[in-house]
Amino acid sequence: MSGGFVMRGEMQIMRLDDVGPPRDVKALKMDVEGHEPFVMRGAKNFFSRHTVWFMVIEFNGPILRMPDGRRQVDFIIDVIK
C-alpha cells in the first residue's frame, strides 16, 4: 500500500474526446484531485458530440484557481457551453 491507496483492479483510461460514436451519457463523474482543467481540455469535442444528462465534478478546495487566475468552475463552464 503506497500513499494510502489500494489497487483493487484495472480500468481503461482514455480522453473523453476519444469516446466512440455520439450517444446519450447518463452520468459522468469526475474526481481527479485538482486536474479538472486538464481533463476538460481532453473533452473539448466530447460535449458537442454527446448528450450528458448528469455530471458530478468534485473540486479540490485548495486548488480552485487556475494558473491564469480563473476559477476552475469558470473554465469548465466555458468548455461545456
Protein backbone atom coordinates (compact mmCIF):
# COMPACT_ATOMS: atom_id res chain seq x y z
CA MET A 1 0.00 0.00 0.00
CA SER A 2 1.56 3.26 -1.13
CA GLY A 3 0.21 6.71 -0.25
CA GLY A 4 -2.89 5.26 1.38
CA PHE A 5 -4.31 3.80 -1.85
CA VAL A 6 -5.12 0.16 -2.50
CA MET A 7 -5.24 -1.13 -6.08
CA ARG A 8 -8.24 -3.41 -6.46
CA GLY A 9 -8.46 -3.83 -10.20
CA GLU A 10 -7.75 -2.25 -13.53
CA MET A 11 -9.56 0.33 -15.57
CA GLN A 12 -9.27 1.69 -19.07
CA ILE A 13 -8.22 5.33 -19.32
CA MET A 14 -8.88 7.48 -22.39
CA ARG A 15 -9.51 11.10 -23.28
CA LEU A 16 -13.21 11.93 -23.31
CA ASP A 17 -12.78 13.17 -26.91
CA ASP A 18 -11.75 9.62 -27.89
CA VAL A 19 -15.07 8.09 -26.76
CA GLY A 20 -16.77 6.41 -29.73
CA PRO A 21 -19.82 7.45 -31.74
CA PRO A 22 -22.29 10.01 -30.35
CA ARG A 23 -24.60 8.69 -27.65
CA ASP A 24 -26.52 9.65 -24.55
CA VAL A 25 -24.26 9.61 -21.50
CA LYS A 26 -26.48 9.09 -18.47
CA ALA A 27 -23.87 10.08 -15.88
CA LEU A 28 -20.32 11.39 -15.87
CA LYS A 29 -18.34 11.63 -12.62
CA MET A 30 -15.01 13.41 -12.39
CA ASP A 31 -12.77 13.16 -9.32
CA VAL A 32 -9.24 13.95 -10.46
CA GLU A 33 -7.77 15.82 -7.49
CA GLY A 34 -7.24 19.27 -8.99
CA HIS A 35 -6.61 18.16 -12.57
CA GLU A 36 -10.09 19.14 -13.81
CA PRO A 37 -8.82 21.72 -16.33
CA PHE A 38 -6.55 19.12 -17.93
CA VAL A 39 -9.36 16.57 -18.18
CA MET A 40 -11.66 19.19 -19.69
CA ARG A 41 -9.03 20.11 -22.29
CA GLY A 42 -9.24 16.47 -23.39
CA ALA A 43 -13.03 16.82 -23.68
CA LYS A 44 -13.40 19.86 -25.94
CA ASN A 45 -15.37 17.92 -28.58
CA PHE A 46 -16.98 15.43 -26.22
CA PHE A 47 -19.69 17.81 -25.03
CA SER A 48 -20.64 18.85 -28.58
CA ARG A 49 -20.92 15.21 -29.76
CA HIS A 50 -22.56 13.56 -26.74
CA THR A 51 -25.60 14.35 -24.62
CA VAL A 52 -24.65 14.28 -20.92
CA TRP A 53 -27.69 14.09 -18.66
CA PHE A 54 -25.96 14.31 -15.28
CA MET A 55 -22.43 15.38 -14.36
CA VAL A 56 -20.74 15.41 -10.96
CA ILE A 57 -17.39 17.14 -10.58
CA GLU A 58 -15.54 17.05 -7.28
CA PHE A 59 -13.33 20.10 -6.86
CA ASN A 60 -10.24 20.08 -4.69
CA GLY A 61 -10.78 23.08 -2.38
CA PRO A 62 -7.20 24.38 -2.13
CA ILE A 63 -6.75 24.19 -5.91
CA LEU A 64 -9.83 26.09 -7.09
CA ARG A 65 -7.88 28.64 -9.16
CA MET A 66 -6.09 28.00 -12.41
CA PRO A 67 -2.61 29.43 -13.09
CA ASP A 68 -4.16 32.28 -15.10
CA GLY A 69 -6.28 33.29 -12.08
CA ARG A 70 -9.63 31.97 -13.36
CA ARG A 71 -11.68 29.70 -11.15
CA GLN A 72 -11.75 26.08 -12.36
CA VAL A 73 -15.53 26.12 -12.40
CA ASP A 74 -15.49 29.09 -14.83
CA PHE A 75 -13.07 27.22 -17.10
CA ILE A 76 -15.31 24.14 -17.10
CA ILE A 77 -18.43 26.19 -17.83
CA ASP A 78 -16.62 27.78 -20.79
CA VAL A 79 -15.69 24.33 -22.16
CA ILE A 80 -19.22 22.87 -21.98
CA LYS A 81 -21.07 25.91 -23.37
